[in-house]
PDB file of N, CA and C in Angstrom:
ATOM      1  N   UNK A   1     -41.168  -6.801  28.723  1.00  0.00           N
ATOM      2  CA  UNK A   1     -40.821  -5.217  28.981  1.00  0.00           C
ATOM      3  C   UNK A   1     -40.002  -5.111  27.037  1.00  0.00           C
ATOM      4  N   UNK A   2     -40.557  -4.275  26.745  1.00  0.00           N
ATOM      5  CA  UNK A   2     -40.209  -3.685  25.529  1.00  0.00           C
ATOM      6  C   UNK A   2     -40.046  -2.413  25.303  1.00  0.00           C
ATOM      7  N   UNK A   3     -39.238  -1.799  24.333  1.00  0.00           N
ATOM      8  CA  UNK A   3     -39.031  -0.321  24.064  1.00  0.00           C
ATOM      9  C   UNK A   3     -40.238   0.191  22.959  1.00  0.00           C
ATOM     10  N   UNK A   4     -41.004   1.472  23.447  1.00  0.00           N
ATOM     11  CA  UNK A   4     -42.119   1.867  22.641  1.00  0.00           C
ATOM     12  C   UNK A   4     -41.724   3.434  22.123  1.00  0.00           C
ATOM     13  N   UNK A   5     -42.100   3.508  21.081  1.00  0.00           N
ATOM     14  CA  UNK A   5     -41.625   4.888  20.118  1.00  0.00           C
ATOM     15  C   UNK A   5     -42.646   5.608  21.161  1.00  0.00           C
ATOM     16  N   UNK A   6     -42.101   7.464  21.436  1.00  0.00           N
ATOM     17  CA  UNK A   6     -43.118   7.772  22.014  1.00  0.00           C
ATOM     18  C   UNK A   6     -43.927   8.647  21.030  1.00  0.00           C
ATOM     19  N   UNK A   7     -43.731   8.863  19.696  1.00  0.00           N
ATOM     20  CA  UNK A   7     -44.678   9.368  18.940  1.00  0.00           C
ATOM     21  C   UNK A   7     -45.800   8.429  18.517  1.00  0.00           C
ATOM     22  N   UNK A   8     -45.589   7.154  18.207  1.00  0.00           N
ATOM     23  CA  UNK A   8     -46.659   6.370  17.532  1.00  0.00           C
ATOM     24  C   UNK A   8     -46.945   5.272  18.600  1.00  0.00           C
ATOM     25  N   UNK A   9     -45.971   5.303  19.492  1.00  0.00           N
ATOM     26  CA  UNK A   9     -46.450   4.145  20.324  1.00  0.00           C
ATOM     27  C   UNK A   9     -46.233   2.543  19.912  1.00  0.00           C
ATOM     28  N   UNK A  10     -45.517   2.301  18.909  1.00  0.00           N
ATOM     29  CA  UNK A  10     -45.082   0.882  18.167  1.00  0.00           C
ATOM     30  C   UNK A  10     -43.942   0.547  18.974  1.00  0.00           C
ATOM     31  N   UNK A  11     -43.635  -0.791  19.367  1.00  0.00           N
ATOM     32  CA  UNK A  11     -42.670  -1.222  19.672  1.00  0.00           C
ATOM     33  C   UNK A  11     -41.448  -1.197  18.998  1.00  0.00           C
ATOM     34  N   UNK A  12     -40.062  -0.845  19.463  1.00  0.00           N
ATOM     35  CA  UNK A  12     -39.166  -0.677  18.913  1.00  0.00           C
ATOM     36  C   UNK A  12     -38.282  -2.046  19.042  1.00  0.00           C
ATOM     37  N   UNK A  13     -37.962  -2.210  17.557  1.00  0.00           N
ATOM     38  CA  UNK A  13     -37.344  -3.788  17.257  1.00  0.00           C
ATOM     39  C   UNK A  13     -35.878  -3.437  17.394  1.00  0.00           C
ATOM     40  N   UNK A  14     -35.475  -2.608  16.540  1.00  0.00           N
ATOM     41  CA  UNK A  14     -34.331  -2.320  16.336  1.00  0.00           C
ATOM     42  C   UNK A  14     -33.519  -0.746  17.159  1.00  0.00           C
ATOM     43  N   UNK A  15     -32.836  -0.987  18.250  1.00  0.00           N
ATOM     44  CA  UNK A  15     -32.825   0.125  19.091  1.00  0.00           C
ATOM     45  C   UNK A  15     -31.100   1.176  18.179  1.00  0.00           C
ATOM     46  N   UNK A  16     -30.487   0.350  17.021  1.00  0.00           N
ATOM     47  CA  UNK A  16     -29.626   0.923  16.598  1.00  0.00           C
ATOM     48  C   UNK A  16     -29.752   2.382  15.517  1.00  0.00           C
ATOM     49  N   UNK A  17     -31.455   2.329  15.122  1.00  0.00           N
ATOM     50  CA  UNK A  17     -31.972   3.367  14.208  1.00  0.00           C
ATOM     51  C   UNK A  17     -32.099   4.654  15.087  1.00  0.00           C
ATOM     52  N   UNK A  18     -31.882   5.649  14.367  1.00  0.00           N
ATOM     53  CA  UNK A  18     -32.310   7.008  15.039  1.00  0.00           C
ATOM     54  C   UNK A  18     -33.790   7.487  14.798  1.00  0.00           C
ATOM     55  N   UNK A  19     -34.283   6.632  14.047  1.00  0.00           N
ATOM     56  CA  UNK A  19     -35.533   7.330  13.596  1.00  0.00           C
ATOM     57  C   UNK A  19     -36.725   5.780  14.001  1.00  0.00           C
ATOM     58  N   UNK A  20     -37.841   5.825  14.142  1.00  0.00           N
ATOM     59  CA  UNK A  20     -38.819   4.794  14.249  1.00  0.00           C
ATOM     60  C   UNK A  20     -39.154   4.121  13.047  1.00  0.00           C
ATOM     61  N   UNK A  21     -38.916   3.254  13.052  1.00  0.00           N
ATOM     62  CA  UNK A  21     -39.289   2.409  11.711  1.00  0.00           C
ATOM     63  C   UNK A  21     -40.521   2.568  11.143  1.00  0.00           C
ATOM     64  N   UNK A  22     -41.465   2.815  11.774  1.00  0.00           N
ATOM     65  CA  UNK A  22     -42.913   2.795  11.707  1.00  0.00           C
ATOM     66  C   UNK A  22     -43.226   4.584  11.116  1.00  0.00           C
ATOM     67  N   UNK A  23     -43.056   5.372  12.055  1.00  0.00           N
ATOM     68  CA  UNK A  23     -43.729   6.901  11.736  1.00  0.00           C
ATOM     69  C   UNK A  23     -42.719   7.612  11.641  1.00  0.00           C
ATOM     70  N   UNK A  24     -41.353   7.255  11.808  1.00  0.00           N
ATOM     71  CA  UNK A  24     -40.216   8.136  11.031  1.00  0.00           C
ATOM     72  C   UNK A  24     -39.619   9.253  12.074  1.00  0.00           C
ATOM     73  N   UNK A  25     -40.339   8.899  13.606  1.00  0.00           N
ATOM     74  CA  UNK A  25     -40.067  10.114  14.155  1.00  0.00           C
ATOM     75  C   UNK A  25     -38.842   9.835  14.966  1.00  0.00           C
ATOM     76  N   UNK A  26     -37.907  10.681  15.407  1.00  0.00           N
ATOM     77  CA  UNK A  26     -36.517  10.677  15.775  1.00  0.00           C
ATOM     78  C   UNK A  26     -36.500  10.133  17.095  1.00  0.00           C
ATOM     79  N   UNK A  27     -35.799   9.079  17.576  1.00  0.00           N
ATOM     80  CA  UNK A  27     -35.917   8.182  18.599  1.00  0.00           C
ATOM     81  C   UNK A  27     -35.401   9.068  19.666  1.00  0.00           C
ATOM     82  N   UNK A  28     -35.498   9.088  20.861  1.00  0.00           N
ATOM     83  CA  UNK A  28     -34.917   9.780  21.822  1.00  0.00           C
ATOM     84  C   UNK A  28     -33.540   9.098  22.562  1.00  0.00           C
ATOM     85  N   UNK A  29     -32.455   9.816  22.762  1.00  0.00           N
ATOM     86  CA  UNK A  29     -31.398   8.786  23.297  1.00  0.00           C
ATOM     87  C   UNK A  29     -31.398   7.757  24.052  1.00  0.00           C
ATOM     88  N   UNK A  30     -32.321   7.993  24.925  1.00  0.00           N
ATOM     89  CA  UNK A  30     -32.769   7.080  25.975  1.00  0.00           C
ATOM     90  C   UNK A  30     -33.358   5.888  25.381  1.00  0.00           C
ATOM     91  N   UNK A  31     -33.755   5.674  24.223  1.00  0.00           N
ATOM     92  CA  UNK A  31     -34.206   4.463  23.631  1.00  0.00           C
ATOM     93  C   UNK A  31     -33.129   3.867  22.972  1.00  0.00           C
ATOM     94  N   UNK A  32     -32.067   4.731  22.171  1.00  0.00           N
ATOM     95  CA  UNK A  32     -31.223   3.632  21.142  1.00  0.00           C
ATOM     96  C   UNK A  32     -30.125   3.380  22.190  1.00  0.00           C
ATOM     97  N   UNK A  33     -29.212   2.429  21.488  1.00  0.00           N
ATOM     98  CA  UNK A  33     -28.327   1.993  22.082  1.00  0.00           C
ATOM     99  C   UNK A  33     -27.072   3.036  22.230  1.00  0.00           C
ATOM    100  N   UNK A  34     -26.389   2.769  23.304  1.00  0.00           N
ATOM    101  CA  UNK A  34     -25.105   4.008  23.445  1.00  0.00           C
ATOM    102  C   UNK A  34     -24.064   3.628  22.503  1.00  0.00           C
ATOM    103  N   UNK A  35     -23.212   4.375  22.239  1.00  0.00           N
ATOM    104  CA  UNK A  35     -21.966   4.013  21.610  1.00  0.00           C
ATOM    105  C   UNK A  35     -21.244   3.034  21.532  1.00  0.00           C
ATOM    106  N   UNK A  36     -21.085   2.411  23.106  1.00  0.00           N
ATOM    107  CA  UNK A  36     -20.507   1.440  24.018  1.00  0.00           C
ATOM    108  C   UNK A  36     -21.146   0.034  23.352  1.00  0.00           C
ATOM    109  N   UNK A  37     -22.470   0.224  23.436  1.00  0.00           N
ATOM    110  CA  UNK A  37     -23.238  -0.766  23.047  1.00  0.00           C
ATOM    111  C   UNK A  37     -23.070  -1.232  21.702  1.00  0.00           C
ATOM    112  N   UNK A  38     -22.788  -0.171  20.967  1.00  0.00           N
ATOM    113  CA  UNK A  38     -22.751  -0.267  19.496  1.00  0.00           C
ATOM    114  C   UNK A  38     -21.397  -1.264  18.952  1.00  0.00           C
ATOM    115  N   UNK A  39     -20.622  -0.543  19.862  1.00  0.00           N
ATOM    116  CA  UNK A  39     -19.230  -1.058  19.615  1.00  0.00           C
ATOM    117  C   UNK A  39     -19.266  -2.664  19.963  1.00  0.00           C
ATOM    118  N   UNK A  40     -19.944  -3.032  20.782  1.00  0.00           N
ATOM    119  CA  UNK A  40     -19.692  -4.556  21.491  1.00  0.00           C
ATOM    120  C   UNK A  40     -20.399  -5.144  20.326  1.00  0.00           C
ATOM    121  N   UNK A  41     -21.614  -4.465  20.184  1.00  0.00           N
ATOM    122  CA  UNK A  41     -22.362  -5.545  18.883  1.00  0.00           C
ATOM    123  C   UNK A  41     -21.430  -5.797  17.650  1.00  0.00           C
ATOM    124  N   UNK A  42     -21.043  -4.701  17.328  1.00  0.00           N
ATOM    125  CA  UNK A  42     -19.969  -4.523  15.803  1.00  0.00           C
ATOM    126  C   UNK A  42     -19.098  -5.715  16.371  1.00  0.00           C
ATOM    127  N   UNK A  43     -18.334  -5.726  17.713  1.00  0.00           N
ATOM    128  CA  UNK A  43     -17.343  -6.558  17.618  1.00  0.00           C
ATOM    129  C   UNK A  43     -18.025  -8.190  17.832  1.00  0.00           C
ATOM    130  N   UNK A  44     -19.040  -8.135  18.313  1.00  0.00           N
ATOM    131  CA  UNK A  44     -19.453  -9.546  18.231  1.00  0.00           C
ATOM    132  C   UNK A  44     -19.824 -10.143  17.044  1.00  0.00           C
ATOM    133  N   UNK A  45     -20.202  -9.238  16.005  1.00  0.00           N
ATOM    134  CA  UNK A  45     -20.346  -9.662  14.591  1.00  0.00           C
ATOM    135  C   UNK A  45     -19.333  -9.873  14.021  1.00  0.00           C
ATOM    136  N   UNK A  46     -18.425  -9.326  14.277  1.00  0.00           N
ATOM    137  CA  UNK A  46     -17.119  -9.298  13.557  1.00  0.00           C
ATOM    138  C   UNK A  46     -16.314 -10.475  13.790  1.00  0.00           C
ATOM    139  N   UNK A  47     -16.423 -10.800  15.059  1.00  0.00           N
ATOM    140  CA  UNK A  47     -15.844 -12.160  15.552  1.00  0.00           C
ATOM    141  C   UNK A  47     -16.588 -13.255  15.218  1.00  0.00           C
ATOM    142  N   UNK A  48     -17.775 -13.142  15.068  1.00  0.00           N
ATOM    143  CA  UNK A  48     -18.614 -14.178  14.606  1.00  0.00           C
ATOM    144  C   UNK A  48     -18.386 -14.623  13.226  1.00  0.00           C
ATOM    145  N   UNK A  49     -18.112 -13.296  12.487  1.00  0.00           N
ATOM    146  CA  UNK A  49     -17.943 -13.632  10.930  1.00  0.00           C
ATOM    147  C   UNK A  49     -16.558 -13.960  10.750  1.00  0.00           C
ATOM    148  N   UNK A  50     -15.838 -13.861  11.538  1.00  0.00           N
ATOM    149  CA  UNK A  50     -14.263 -14.441  11.615  1.00  0.00           C
ATOM    150  C   UNK A  50     -14.204 -15.842  11.478  1.00  0.00           C
ATOM    151  N   UNK A  51     -15.178 -16.133  12.694  1.00  0.00           N
ATOM    152  CA  UNK A  51     -15.038 -17.812  13.043  1.00  0.00           C
ATOM    153  C   UNK A  51     -15.644 -18.544  11.962  1.00  0.00           C
ATOM    154  N   UNK A  52     -16.827 -18.020  11.004  1.00  0.00           N
ATOM    155  CA  UNK A  52     -17.721 -18.462  10.075  1.00  0.00           C
ATOM    156  C   UNK A  52     -16.543 -18.683   9.094  1.00  0.00           C
ATOM    157  N   UNK A  53     -15.247 -17.845   8.753  1.00  0.00           N
ATOM    158  CA  UNK A  53     -14.802 -17.968   7.654  1.00  0.00           C
ATOM    159  C   UNK A  53     -13.551 -18.909   7.920  1.00  0.00           C
ATOM    160  N   UNK A  54     -12.829 -19.011   9.253  1.00  0.00           N
ATOM    161  CA  UNK A  54     -11.881 -19.905   9.701  1.00  0.00           C
ATOM    162  C   UNK A  54     -11.965 -21.370   9.389  1.00  0.00           C
ATOM    163  N   UNK A  55     -11.134 -21.831   8.615  1.00  0.00           N
ATOM    164  CA  UNK A  55     -11.579 -23.545   8.051  1.00  0.00           C
ATOM    165  C   UNK A  55     -11.239 -24.376   9.551  1.00  0.00           C
ATOM    166  N   UNK A  56     -12.709 -25.179   9.758  1.00  0.00           N
ATOM    167  CA  UNK A  56     -12.464 -25.790  10.836  1.00  0.00           C
ATOM    168  C   UNK A  56     -11.512 -27.041  10.932  1.00  0.00           C
ATOM    169  N   UNK A  57     -10.910 -27.439  11.756  1.00  0.00           N
ATOM    170  CA  UNK A  57      -9.849 -28.340  11.859  1.00  0.00           C
ATOM    171  C   UNK A  57     -10.355 -29.551  12.304  1.00  0.00           C
ATOM    172  N   UNK A  58     -10.883 -30.906  11.855  1.00  0.00           N
ATOM    173  CA  UNK A  58     -11.299 -32.045  12.085  1.00  0.00           C
ATOM    174  C   UNK A  58     -10.509 -32.543  13.143  1.00  0.00           C
ATOM    175  N   UNK A  59     -10.973 -33.062  14.416  1.00  0.00           N
ATOM    176  CA  UNK A  59     -10.449 -33.828  15.370  1.00  0.00           C
ATOM    177  C   UNK A  59     -10.146 -35.189  14.907  1.00  0.00           C
ATOM    178  N   UNK A  60      -9.025 -35.744  15.128  1.00  0.00           N
ATOM    179  CA  UNK A  60      -8.330 -37.231  14.671  1.00  0.00           C
ATOM    180  C   UNK A  60      -9.243 -38.037  15.254  1.00  0.00           C
ATOM    181  N   UNK A  61      -9.765 -38.866  14.515  1.00  0.00           N
ATOM    182  CA  UNK A  61     -10.514 -40.225  14.885  1.00  0.00           C
ATOM    183  C   UNK A  61     -11.831 -39.782  15.363  1.00  0.00           C
ATOM    184  N   UNK A  62     -12.742 -38.732  15.024  1.00  0.00           N
ATOM    185  CA  UNK A  62     -13.648 -38.155  15.604  1.00  0.00           C
ATOM    186  C   UNK A  62     -14.477 -38.565  14.615  1.00  0.00           C
ATOM    187  N   UNK A  63     -16.024 -38.939  15.140  1.00  0.00           N
ATOM    188  CA  UNK A  63     -17.170 -39.541  14.277  1.00  0.00           C
ATOM    189  C   UNK A  63     -18.155 -38.705  14.907  1.00  0.00           C
ATOM    190  N   UNK A  64     -19.158 -37.998  14.320  1.00  0.00           N
ATOM    191  CA  UNK A  64     -20.351 -37.193  14.764  1.00  0.00           C
ATOM    192  C   UNK A  64     -21.509 -38.160  15.568  1.00  0.00           C
ATOM    193  N   UNK A  65     -21.745 -37.698  16.522  1.00  0.00           N
ATOM    194  CA  UNK A  65     -22.643 -38.523  17.216  1.00  0.00           C
ATOM    195  C   UNK A  65     -23.930 -37.988  17.406  1.00  0.00           C
ATOM    196  N   UNK A  66     -25.113 -38.720  17.616  1.00  0.00           N
ATOM    197  CA  UNK A  66     -26.416 -37.773  17.845  1.00  0.00           C
ATOM    198  C   UNK A  66     -26.408 -36.809  19.233  1.00  0.00           C
ATOM    199  N   UNK A  67     -26.669 -35.432  18.716  1.00  0.00           N
ATOM    200  CA  UNK A  67     -26.697 -34.237  19.602  1.00  0.00           C
ATOM    201  C   UNK A  67     -27.550 -34.620  20.838  1.00  0.00           C
ATOM    202  N   UNK A  68     -28.858 -35.475  20.582  1.00  0.00           N
ATOM    203  CA  UNK A  68     -29.855 -35.850  21.516  1.00  0.00           C
ATOM    204  C   UNK A  68     -29.178 -36.565  22.984  1.00  0.00           C
ATOM    205  N   UNK A  69     -27.752 -37.029  22.458  1.00  0.00           N
ATOM    206  CA  UNK A  69     -27.301 -37.953  23.538  1.00  0.00           C
ATOM    207  C   UNK A  69     -26.190 -37.085  24.331  1.00  0.00           C
ATOM    208  N   UNK A  70     -26.005 -35.898  24.106  1.00  0.00           N
ATOM    209  CA  UNK A  70     -25.414 -34.910  24.664  1.00  0.00           C
ATOM    210  C   UNK A  70     -23.608 -34.521  24.334  1.00  0.00           C
ATOM    211  N   UNK A  71     -23.589 -35.673  23.270  1.00  0.00           N
ATOM    212  CA  UNK A  71     -21.936 -35.467  22.780  1.00  0.00           C
ATOM    213  C   UNK A  71     -21.682 -34.925  21.396  1.00  0.00           C
ATOM    214  N   UNK A  72     -20.939 -34.081  21.170  1.00  0.00           N
ATOM    215  CA  UNK A  72     -20.675 -33.776  19.708  1.00  0.00           C
ATOM    216  C   UNK A  72     -20.036 -34.742  18.867  1.00  0.00           C
ATOM    217  N   UNK A  73     -19.262 -35.216  19.530  1.00  0.00           N
ATOM    218  CA  UNK A  73     -18.034 -36.032  19.005  1.00  0.00           C
ATOM    219  C   UNK A  73     -18.121 -37.433  19.970  1.00  0.00           C
ATOM    220  N   UNK A  74     -17.469 -38.322  19.225  1.00  0.00           N
ATOM    221  CA  UNK A  74     -16.918 -39.566  20.092  1.00  0.00           C
ATOM    222  C   UNK A  74     -15.558 -40.124  19.392  1.00  0.00           C
ATOM    223  N   UNK A  75     -14.961 -40.552  20.528  1.00  0.00           N
ATOM    224  CA  UNK A  75     -13.555 -41.001  19.777  1.00  0.00           C
ATOM    225  C   UNK A  75     -13.602 -42.429  19.514  1.00  0.00           C
ATOM    226  N   UNK A  76     -13.034 -42.501  18.343  1.00  0.00           N
ATOM    227  CA  UNK A  76     -12.913 -44.118  17.739  1.00  0.00           C
ATOM    228  C   UNK A  76     -11.429 -44.587  17.471  1.00  0.00           C
ATOM    229  N   UNK A  77     -11.292 -45.879  17.951  1.00  0.00           N
ATOM    230  CA  UNK A  77     -10.090 -46.109  17.480  1.00  0.00           C
ATOM    231  C   UNK A  77      -9.543 -46.126  16.401  1.00  0.00           C
ATOM    232  N   UNK A  78      -7.942 -45.860  15.987  1.00  0.00           N
ATOM    233  CA  UNK A  78      -7.381 -45.556  15.046  1.00  0.00           C
ATOM    234  C   UNK A  78      -7.363 -46.709  14.274  1.00  0.00           C
ATOM    235  N   UNK A  79      -7.512 -46.658  12.760  1.00  0.00           N
ATOM    236  CA  UNK A  79      -7.521 -47.689  11.940  1.00  0.00           C
ATOM    237  C   UNK A  79      -6.306 -48.244  11.628  1.00  0.00           C
TER     238      UNK A  79
END
């Protein structure tokens, strides 16, 4: 199920825009994201960006493991 522009019938890919990205017709409010939905998306993007900027703290004595085996780290004995 997708959302479609009532003017040109094309699928709406970006519901944040006020106008159809194909024909330029104004999108009805019912097709656009609400203010609370937009705020939620912006908060998620902000949190995601913040996590990307924080330095990751390595786990002590952890070595990478093949992700196909189901674990991301494996404990090793201290040197």
